[in-house]
Amino acid sequence: MPRPWEADPTASFARRLGKSAKEDGSSDVRSRCPDIWELDNGDVAVIGRDLTEVYAGSLPADVRIAPDERLVVIPGSMLRAAKPDIPGPG
């Protein structure tokens, strides 16, 4: 059965959501930075620390991570800084 949504590997980076990790204070090294990007198809790419294995045994009952998915963690301040860039109601 096909998934209702599938990531499009041909999508390109369109714009950063929020601040860069350096602007946010989350990193001072360009090659090791968490980030949030909107892709040109409207999907969102998140770059963060892969903690899939760390959290695998303690996920909420209704949460699943598929074999081709990863749980990544980014600084909360980075997501809060991206809020004005994320469209929504009101």
PDB file of N, CA and C in Angstrom:
ATOM      1  N   MET A   1       0.849  -1.184   0.000  1.00  0.00           N
ATOM      2  CA  MET A   1       0.000   0.000   0.000  1.00  0.00           C
ATOM      3  C   MET A   1       0.891   1.242   0.000  1.00  0.00           C
ATOM      4  N   PRO A   2       0.665   2.157  -0.925  1.00  0.00           N
ATOM      5  CA  PRO A   2       1.497   3.363  -0.986  1.00  0.00           C
ATOM      6  C   PRO A   2       1.231   4.289   0.204  1.00  0.00           C
ATOM      7  N   ARG A   3       2.261   5.001   0.578  1.00  0.00           N
ATOM      8  CA  ARG A   3       2.130   5.977   1.662  1.00  0.00           C
ATOM      9  C   ARG A   3       1.342   7.196   1.167  1.00  0.00           C
ATOM     10  N   PRO A   4       0.602   7.855   2.071  1.00  0.00           N
ATOM     11  CA  PRO A   4      -0.130   9.071   1.671  1.00  0.00           C
ATOM     12  C   PRO A   4       0.814  10.222   1.304  1.00  0.00           C
ATOM     13  N   TRP A   5       2.001  10.214   1.860  1.00  0.00           N
ATOM     14  CA  TRP A   5       2.994  11.258   1.563  1.00  0.00           C
ATOM     15  C   TRP A   5       4.339  10.593   1.363  1.00  0.00           C
ATOM     16  N   GLU A   6       5.098  11.076   0.417  1.00  0.00           N
ATOM     17  CA  GLU A   6       6.444  10.576   0.188  1.00  0.00           C
ATOM     18  C   GLU A   6       7.352  11.776  -0.060  1.00  0.00           C
ATOM     19  N   ALA A   7       8.530  11.745   0.509  1.00  0.00           N
ATOM     20  CA  ALA A   7       9.498  12.817   0.287  1.00  0.00           C
ATOM     21  C   ALA A   7       9.936  12.816  -1.173  1.00  0.00           C
ATOM     22  N   ASP A   8      10.067  14.005  -1.739  1.00  0.00           N
ATOM     23  CA  ASP A   8      10.489  14.160  -3.131  1.00  0.00           C
ATOM     24  C   ASP A   8      11.974  14.497  -3.161  1.00  0.00           C
ATOM     25  N   PRO A   9      12.822  13.563  -3.548  1.00  0.00           N
ATOM     26  CA  PRO A   9      14.262  13.820  -3.541  1.00  0.00           C
ATOM     27  C   PRO A   9      14.724  14.807  -4.610  1.00  0.00           C
ATOM     28  N   THR A  10      13.814  15.236  -5.492  1.00  0.00           N
ATOM     29  CA  THR A  10      14.194  16.222  -6.504  1.00  0.00           C
ATOM     30  C   THR A  10      13.899  17.655  -6.053  1.00  0.00           C
ATOM     31  N   ALA A  11      13.247  17.817  -4.897  1.00  0.00           N
ATOM     32  CA  ALA A  11      12.933  19.167  -4.399  1.00  0.00           C
ATOM     33  C   ALA A  11      14.226  19.900  -4.035  1.00  0.00           C
ATOM     34  N   SER A  12      14.219  21.206  -4.237  1.00  0.00           N
ATOM     35  CA  SER A  12      15.388  22.051  -3.955  1.00  0.00           C
ATOM     36  C   SER A  12      15.143  22.925  -2.729  1.00  0.00           C
ATOM     37  N   PHE A  13      16.219  23.369  -2.119  1.00  0.00           N
ATOM     38  CA  PHE A  13      16.129  24.296  -0.994  1.00  0.00           C
ATOM     39  C   PHE A  13      15.646  25.642  -1.517  1.00  0.00           C
ATOM     40  N   ALA A  14      14.556  26.154  -0.941  1.00  0.00           N
ATOM     41  CA  ALA A  14      13.988  27.419  -1.393  1.00  0.00           C
ATOM     42  C   ALA A  14      14.335  28.576  -0.459  1.00  0.00           C
ATOM     43  N   ARG A  15      14.137  28.363   0.862  1.00  0.00           N
ATOM     44  CA  ARG A  15      14.436  29.451   1.805  1.00  0.00           C
ATOM     45  C   ARG A  15      14.599  28.891   3.213  1.00  0.00           C
ATOM     46  N   ARG A  16      15.462  29.539   3.961  1.00  0.00           N
ATOM     47  CA  ARG A  16      15.652  29.182   5.369  1.00  0.00           C
ATOM     48  C   ARG A  16      14.452  29.662   6.149  1.00  0.00           C
ATOM     49  N   LEU A  17      14.015  28.869   7.108  1.00  0.00           N
ATOM     50  CA  LEU A  17      12.965  29.277   8.030  1.00  0.00           C
ATOM     51  C   LEU A  17      13.643  29.690   9.332  1.00  0.00           C
ATOM     52  N   GLY A  18      13.458  30.913   9.720  1.00  0.00           N
ATOM     53  CA  GLY A  18      14.084  31.407  10.942  1.00  0.00           C
ATOM     54  C   GLY A  18      15.503  31.896  10.693  1.00  0.00           C
ATOM     55  N   LYS A  19      16.329  31.718  11.702  1.00  0.00           N
ATOM     56  CA  LYS A  19      17.708  32.213  11.671  1.00  0.00           C
ATOM     57  C   LYS A  19      18.684  31.073  11.395  1.00  0.00           C
ATOM     58  N   SER A  20      19.855  31.420  10.898  1.00  0.00           N
ATOM     59  CA  SER A  20      20.906  30.417  10.761  1.00  0.00           C
ATOM     60  C   SER A  20      21.374  30.013  12.161  1.00  0.00           C
ATOM     61  N   ALA A  21      22.041  28.887  12.264  1.00  0.00           N
ATOM     62  CA  ALA A  21      22.528  28.430  13.564  1.00  0.00           C
ATOM     63  C   ALA A  21      23.503  29.430  14.171  1.00  0.00           C
ATOM     64  N   LYS A  22      24.292  30.082  13.336  1.00  0.00           N
ATOM     65  CA  LYS A  22      25.229  31.092  13.851  1.00  0.00           C
ATOM     66  C   LYS A  22      24.458  32.295  14.402  1.00  0.00           C
ATOM     67  N   GLU A  23      23.443  32.760  13.672  1.00  0.00           N
ATOM     68  CA  GLU A  23      22.625  33.888  14.146  1.00  0.00           C
ATOM     69  C   GLU A  23      21.885  33.532  15.428  1.00  0.00           C
ATOM     70  N   ASP A  24      21.442  32.276  15.523  1.00  0.00           N
ATOM     71  CA  ASP A  24      20.682  31.790  16.665  1.00  0.00           C
ATOM     72  C   ASP A  24      21.572  31.523  17.885  1.00  0.00           C
ATOM     73  N   GLY A  25      22.873  31.413  17.658  1.00  0.00           N
ATOM     74  CA  GLY A  25      23.791  31.085  18.742  1.00  0.00           C
ATOM     75  C   GLY A  25      23.906  29.587  18.993  1.00  0.00           C
ATOM     76  N   SER A  26      23.339  28.766  18.098  1.00  0.00           N
ATOM     77  CA  SER A  26      23.376  27.313  18.252  1.00  0.00           C
ATOM     78  C   SER A  26      24.676  26.707  17.751  1.00  0.00           C
ATOM     79  N   SER A  27      25.430  27.461  16.973  1.00  0.00           N
ATOM     80  CA  SER A  27      26.682  26.950  16.425  1.00  0.00           C
ATOM     81  C   SER A  27      27.557  28.109  16.006  1.00  0.00           C
ATOM     82  N   ASP A  28      28.853  27.906  16.086  1.00  0.00           N
ATOM     83  CA  ASP A  28      29.777  28.901  15.560  1.00  0.00           C
ATOM     84  C   ASP A  28      30.618  28.306  14.442  1.00  0.00           C
ATOM     85  N   VAL A  29      30.293  27.071  14.051  1.00  0.00           N
ATOM     86  CA  VAL A  29      31.029  26.389  12.990  1.00  0.00           C
ATOM     87  C   VAL A  29      30.063  26.106  11.849  1.00  0.00           C
ATOM     88  N   ARG A  30      30.339  26.624  10.686  1.00  0.00           N
ATOM     89  CA  ARG A  30      29.420  26.500   9.554  1.00  0.00           C
ATOM     90  C   ARG A  30      29.151  25.049   9.148  1.00  0.00           C
ATOM     91  N   SER A  31      30.093  24.159   9.320  1.00  0.00           N
ATOM     92  CA  SER A  31      29.904  22.788   8.846  1.00  0.00           C
ATOM     93  C   SER A  31      29.131  21.909   9.828  1.00  0.00           C
ATOM     94  N   ARG A  32      28.778  22.411  10.974  1.00  0.00           N
ATOM     95  CA  ARG A  32      28.057  21.618  11.982  1.00  0.00           C
ATOM     96  C   ARG A  32      26.892  22.418  12.532  1.00  0.00           C
ATOM     97  N   CYS A  33      25.917  22.634  11.698  1.00  0.00           N
ATOM     98  CA  CYS A  33      24.840  23.529  12.093  1.00  0.00           C
ATOM     99  C   CYS A  33      23.465  22.900  11.933  1.00  0.00           C
ATOM    100  N   PRO A  34      22.638  22.953  12.977  1.00  0.00           N
ATOM    101  CA  PRO A  34      21.237  22.599  12.776  1.00  0.00           C
ATOM    102  C   PRO A  34      20.589  23.663  11.896  1.00  0.00           C
ATOM    103  N   ASP A  35      19.540  23.288  11.180  1.00  0.00           N
ATOM    104  CA  ASP A  35      18.901  24.245  10.283  1.00  0.00           C
ATOM    105  C   ASP A  35      17.499  23.768   9.921  1.00  0.00           C
ATOM    106  N   ILE A  36      16.666  24.704   9.457  1.00  0.00           N
ATOM    107  CA  ILE A  36      15.313  24.407   8.993  1.00  0.00           C
ATOM    108  C   ILE A  36      15.134  25.115   7.652  1.00  0.00           C
ATOM    109  N   TRP A  37      14.740  24.344   6.631  1.00  0.00           N
ATOM    110  CA  TRP A  37      14.569  24.908   5.291  1.00  0.00           C
ATOM    111  C   TRP A  37      13.237  24.509   4.682  1.00  0.00           C
ATOM    112  N   GLU A  38      12.603  25.445   4.004  1.00  0.00           N
ATOM    113  CA  GLU A  38      11.446  25.126   3.184  1.00  0.00           C
ATOM    114  C   GLU A  38      11.970  24.729   1.809  1.00  0.00           C
ATOM    115  N   LEU A  39      11.445  23.635   1.278  1.00  0.00           N
ATOM    116  CA  LEU A  39      11.825  23.188  -0.051  1.00  0.00           C
ATOM    117  C   LEU A  39      10.894  23.809  -1.083  1.00  0.00           C
ATOM    118  N   ASP A  40      11.290  23.769  -2.339  1.00  0.00           N
ATOM    119  CA  ASP A  40      10.485  24.428  -3.370  1.00  0.00           C
ATOM    120  C   ASP A  40       9.130  23.772  -3.611  1.00  0.00           C
ATOM    121  N   ASN A  41       8.900  22.596  -3.039  1.00  0.00           N
ATOM    122  CA  ASN A  41       7.584  21.955  -3.160  1.00  0.00           C
ATOM    123  C   ASN A  41       6.727  22.165  -1.909  1.00  0.00           C
ATOM    124  N   GLY A  42       7.226  22.978  -0.950  1.00  0.00           N
ATOM    125  CA  GLY A  42       6.482  23.271   0.270  1.00  0.00           C
ATOM    126  C   GLY A  42       6.818  22.369   1.439  1.00  0.00           C
ATOM    127  N   ASP A  43       7.528  21.270   1.194  1.00  0.00           N
ATOM    128  CA  ASP A  43       7.969  20.408   2.295  1.00  0.00           C
ATOM    129  C   ASP A  43       9.057  21.122   3.094  1.00  0.00           C
ATOM    130  N   VAL A  44       9.391  20.591   4.252  1.00  0.00           N
ATOM    131  CA  VAL A  44      10.382  21.208   5.133  1.00  0.00           C
ATOM    132  C   VAL A  44      11.492  20.210   5.417  1.00  0.00           C
ATOM    133  N   ALA A  45      12.734  20.665   5.296  1.00  0.00           N
ATOM    134  CA  ALA A  45      13.901  19.855   5.617  1.00  0.00           C
ATOM    135  C   ALA A  45      14.478  20.352   6.943  1.00  0.00           C
ATOM    136  N   VAL A  46      14.743  19.429   7.862  1.00  0.00           N
ATOM    137  CA  VAL A  46      15.315  19.767   9.161  1.00  0.00           C
ATOM    138  C   VAL A  46      16.663  19.072   9.281  1.00  0.00           C
ATOM    139  N   ILE A  47      17.683  19.842   9.605  1.00  0.00           N
ATOM    140  CA  ILE A  47      19.019  19.301   9.836  1.00  0.00           C
ATOM    141  C   ILE A  47      19.265  19.372  11.332  1.00  0.00           C
ATOM    142  N   GLY A  48      19.487  18.230  11.938  1.00  0.00           N
ATOM    143  CA  GLY A  48      19.706  18.185  13.381  1.00  0.00           C
ATOM    144  C   GLY A  48      20.486  16.956  13.771  1.00  0.00           C
ATOM    145  N   ARG A  49      20.623  16.744  15.047  1.00  0.00           N
ATOM    146  CA  ARG A  49      21.336  15.576  15.558  1.00  0.00           C
ATOM    147  C   ARG A  49      20.443  14.348  15.469  1.00  0.00           C
ATOM    148  N   ASP A  50      20.951  13.275  14.900  1.00  0.00           N
ATOM    149  CA  ASP A  50      20.210  12.026  14.767  1.00  0.00           C
ATOM    150  C   ASP A  50      20.191  11.316  16.111  1.00  0.00           C
ATOM    151  N   LEU A  51      19.031  11.315  16.766  1.00  0.00           N
ATOM    152  CA  LEU A  51      18.860  10.645  18.053  1.00  0.00           C
ATOM    153  C   LEU A  51      17.822   9.527  17.956  1.00  0.00           C
ATOM    154  N   THR A  52      17.685   8.971  16.753  1.00  0.00           N
ATOM    155  CA  THR A  52      16.706   7.909  16.520  1.00  0.00           C
ATOM    156  C   THR A  52      16.895   6.761  17.502  1.00  0.00           C
ATOM    157  N   GLU A  53      18.105   6.250  17.606  1.00  0.00           N
ATOM    158  CA  GLU A  53      18.358   5.099  18.485  1.00  0.00           C
ATOM    159  C   GLU A  53      18.183   5.453  19.955  1.00  0.00           C
ATOM    160  N   VAL A  54      18.554   6.664  20.326  1.00  0.00           N
ATOM    161  CA  VAL A  54      18.437   7.099  21.721  1.00  0.00           C
ATOM    162  C   VAL A  54      16.977   7.090  22.180  1.00  0.00           C
ATOM    163  N   TYR A  55      16.078   7.581  21.322  1.00  0.00           N
ATOM    164  CA  TYR A  55      14.671   7.701  21.689  1.00  0.00           C
ATOM    165  C   TYR A  55      13.822   6.491  21.293  1.00  0.00           C
ATOM    166  N   ALA A  56      14.369   5.554  20.542  1.00  0.00           N
ATOM    167  CA  ALA A  56      13.588   4.428  20.007  1.00  0.00           C
ATOM    168  C   ALA A  56      12.806   3.677  21.084  1.00  0.00           C
ATOM    169  N   GLY A  57      13.372   3.469  22.241  1.00  0.00           N
ATOM    170  CA  GLY A  57      12.702   2.710  23.287  1.00  0.00           C
ATOM    171  C   GLY A  57      11.766   3.509  24.166  1.00  0.00           C
ATOM    172  N   SER A  58      11.681   4.817  23.946  1.00  0.00           N
ATOM    173  CA  SER A  58      10.843   5.638  24.818  1.00  0.00           C
ATOM    174  C   SER A  58       9.856   6.519  24.052  1.00  0.00           C
ATOM    175  N   LEU A  59       9.537   6.120  22.835  1.00  0.00           N
ATOM    176  CA  LEU A  59       8.586   6.896  22.040  1.00  0.00           C
ATOM    177  C   LEU A  59       7.175   6.780  22.620  1.00  0.00           C
ATOM    178  N   PRO A  60       6.354   7.817  22.482  1.00  0.00           N
ATOM    179  CA  PRO A  60       4.955   7.701  22.880  1.00  0.00           C
ATOM    180  C   PRO A  60       4.292   6.540  22.128  1.00  0.00           C
ATOM    181  N   ALA A  61       3.247   5.986  22.695  1.00  0.00           N
ATOM    182  CA  ALA A  61       2.610   4.778  22.153  1.00  0.00           C
ATOM    183  C   ALA A  61       2.169   4.925  20.700  1.00  0.00           C
ATOM    184  N   ASP A  62       1.769   6.106  20.286  1.00  0.00           N
ATOM    185  CA  ASP A  62       1.264   6.283  18.923  1.00  0.00           C
ATOM    186  C   ASP A  62       2.310   6.819  17.946  1.00  0.00           C
ATOM    187  N   VAL A  63       3.576   6.797  18.314  1.00  0.00           N
ATOM    188  CA  VAL A  63       4.652   7.297  17.452  1.00  0.00           C
ATOM    189  C   VAL A  63       5.451   6.129  16.892  1.00  0.00           C
ATOM    190  N   ARG A  64       5.679   6.167  15.587  1.00  0.00           N
ATOM    191  CA  ARG A  64       6.474   5.150  14.907  1.00  0.00           C
ATOM    192  C   ARG A  64       7.525   5.836  14.045  1.00  0.00           C
ATOM    193  N   ILE A  65       8.671   5.225  13.936  1.00  0.00           N
ATOM    194  CA  ILE A  65       9.727   5.711  13.048  1.00  0.00           C
ATOM    195  C   ILE A  65       9.985   4.611  12.032  1.00  0.00           C
ATOM    196  N   ALA A  66       9.696   4.893  10.768  1.00  0.00           N
ATOM    197  CA  ALA A  66       9.898   3.911   9.701  1.00  0.00           C
ATOM    198  C   ALA A  66      11.394   3.677   9.497  1.00  0.00           C
ATOM    199  N   PRO A  67      11.754   2.552   8.928  1.00  0.00           N
ATOM    200  CA  PRO A  67      13.170   2.253   8.700  1.00  0.00           C
ATOM    201  C   PRO A  67      13.905   3.320   7.883  1.00  0.00           C
ATOM    202  N   ASP A  68      13.179   4.041   7.018  1.00  0.00           N
ATOM    203  CA  ASP A  68      13.827   5.083   6.222  1.00  0.00           C
ATOM    204  C   ASP A  68      13.644   6.483   6.822  1.00  0.00           C
ATOM    205  N   GLU A  69      13.260   6.561   8.099  1.00  0.00           N
ATOM    206  CA  GLU A  69      13.087   7.847   8.792  1.00  0.00           C
ATOM    207  C   GLU A  69      14.081   7.957   9.944  1.00  0.00           C
ATOM    208  N   ARG A  70      14.334   9.190  10.363  1.00  0.00           N
ATOM    209  CA  ARG A  70      15.206   9.469  11.495  1.00  0.00           C
ATOM    210  C   ARG A  70      14.552  10.518  12.379  1.00  0.00           C
ATOM    211  N   LEU A  71      14.718  10.373  13.675  1.00  0.00           N
ATOM    212  CA  LEU A  71      14.278  11.378  14.637  1.00  0.00           C
ATOM    213  C   LEU A  71      15.471  12.314  14.838  1.00  0.00           C
ATOM    214  N   VAL A  72      15.295  13.586  14.490  1.00  0.00           N
ATOM    215  CA  VAL A  72      16.370  14.553  14.672  1.00  0.00           C
ATOM    216  C   VAL A  72      15.958  15.592  15.698  1.00  0.00           C
ATOM    217  N   VAL A  73      16.933  16.098  16.403  1.00  0.00           N
ATOM    218  CA  VAL A  73      16.694  17.110  17.431  1.00  0.00           C
ATOM    219  C   VAL A  73      17.412  18.387  17.027  1.00  0.00           C
ATOM    220  N   ILE A  74      16.686  19.508  17.145  1.00  0.00           N
ATOM    221  CA  ILE A  74      17.259  20.828  16.908  1.00  0.00           C
ATOM    222  C   ILE A  74      16.999  21.678  18.148  1.00  0.00           C
ATOM    223  N   PRO A  75      17.728  22.775  18.314  1.00  0.00           N
ATOM    224  CA  PRO A  75      17.473  23.646  19.455  1.00  0.00           C
ATOM    225  C   PRO A  75      16.063  24.236  19.394  1.00  0.00           C
ATOM    226  N   GLY A  76      15.384  24.277  20.523  1.00  0.00           N
ATOM    227  CA  GLY A  76      14.052  24.867  20.577  1.00  0.00           C
ATOM    228  C   GLY A  76      14.053  26.320  20.133  1.00  0.00           C
ATOM    229  N   SER A  77      15.127  27.034  20.443  1.00  0.00           N
ATOM    230  CA  SER A  77      15.216  28.446  20.049  1.00  0.00           C
ATOM    231  C   SER A  77      15.190  28.592  18.531  1.00  0.00           C
ATOM    232  N   MET A  78      15.734  27.600  17.825  1.00  0.00           N
ATOM    233  CA  MET A  78      15.745  27.657  16.367  1.00  0.00           C
ATOM    234  C   MET A  78      14.326  27.506  15.808  1.00  0.00           C
ATOM    235  N   LEU A  79      13.547  26.591  16.355  1.00  0.00           N
ATOM    236  CA  LEU A  79      12.171  26.430  15.899  1.00  0.00           C
ATOM    237  C   LEU A  79      11.331  27.659  16.246  1.00  0.00           C
ATOM    238  N   ARG A  80      11.519  28.202  17.444  1.00  0.00           N
ATOM    239  CA  ARG A  80      10.766  29.405  17.826  1.00  0.00           C
ATOM    240  C   ARG A  80      11.107  30.576  16.905  1.00  0.00           C
ATOM    241  N   ALA A  81      12.374  30.699  16.504  1.00  0.00           N
ATOM    242  CA  ALA A  81      12.770  31.775  15.592  1.00  0.00           C
ATOM    243  C   ALA A  81      12.162  31.591  14.211  1.00  0.00           C
ATOM    244  N   ALA A  82      11.839  30.346  13.836  1.00  0.00           N
ATOM    245  CA  ALA A  82      11.253  30.073  12.518  1.00  0.00           C
ATOM    246  C   ALA A  82       9.748  30.324  12.483  1.00  0.00           C
ATOM    247  N   LYS A  83       9.112  30.437  13.644  1.00  0.00           N
ATOM    248  CA  LYS A  83       7.656  30.566  13.705  1.00  0.00           C
ATOM    249  C   LYS A  83       7.097  31.663  12.791  1.00  0.00           C
ATOM    250  N   PRO A  84       7.672  32.848  12.747  1.00  0.00           N
ATOM    251  CA  PRO A  84       7.112  33.895  11.856  1.00  0.00           C
ATOM    252  C   PRO A  84       7.192  33.525  10.382  1.00  0.00           C
ATOM    253  N   ASP A  85       8.091  32.627  10.002  1.00  0.00           N
ATOM    254  CA  ASP A  85       8.249  32.231   8.610  1.00  0.00           C
ATOM    255  C   ASP A  85       7.343  31.088   8.202  1.00  0.00           C
ATOM    256  N   ILE A  86       6.637  30.477   9.170  1.00  0.00           N
ATOM    257  CA  ILE A  86       5.797  29.314   8.891  1.00  0.00           C
ATOM    258  C   ILE A  86       4.361  29.776   8.737  1.00  0.00           C
ATOM    259  N   PRO A  87       3.794  29.604   7.523  1.00  0.00           N
ATOM    260  CA  PRO A  87       2.420  30.049   7.315  1.00  0.00           C
ATOM    261  C   PRO A  87       1.435  29.230   8.135  1.00  0.00           C
ATOM    262  N   GLY A  88       0.373  29.849   8.526  1.00  0.00           N
ATOM    263  CA  GLY A  88      -0.662  29.154   9.288  1.00  0.00           C
ATOM    264  C   GLY A  88      -1.902  30.008   9.394  1.00  0.00           C
ATOM    265  N   PRO A  89      -2.912  29.478  10.055  1.00  0.00           N
ATOM    266  CA  PRO A  89      -4.152  30.242  10.208  1.00  0.00           C
ATOM    267  C   PRO A  89      -3.948  31.475  11.077  1.00  0.00           C
ATOM    268  N   GLY A  90      -4.680  32.498  10.748  1.00  0.00           N
ATOM    269  CA  GLY A  90      -4.697  33.716  11.550  1.00  0.00           C
ATOM    270  C   GLY A  90      -3.436  34.425  11.485  1.00  0.00           C
TER     271      GLY A  90
END
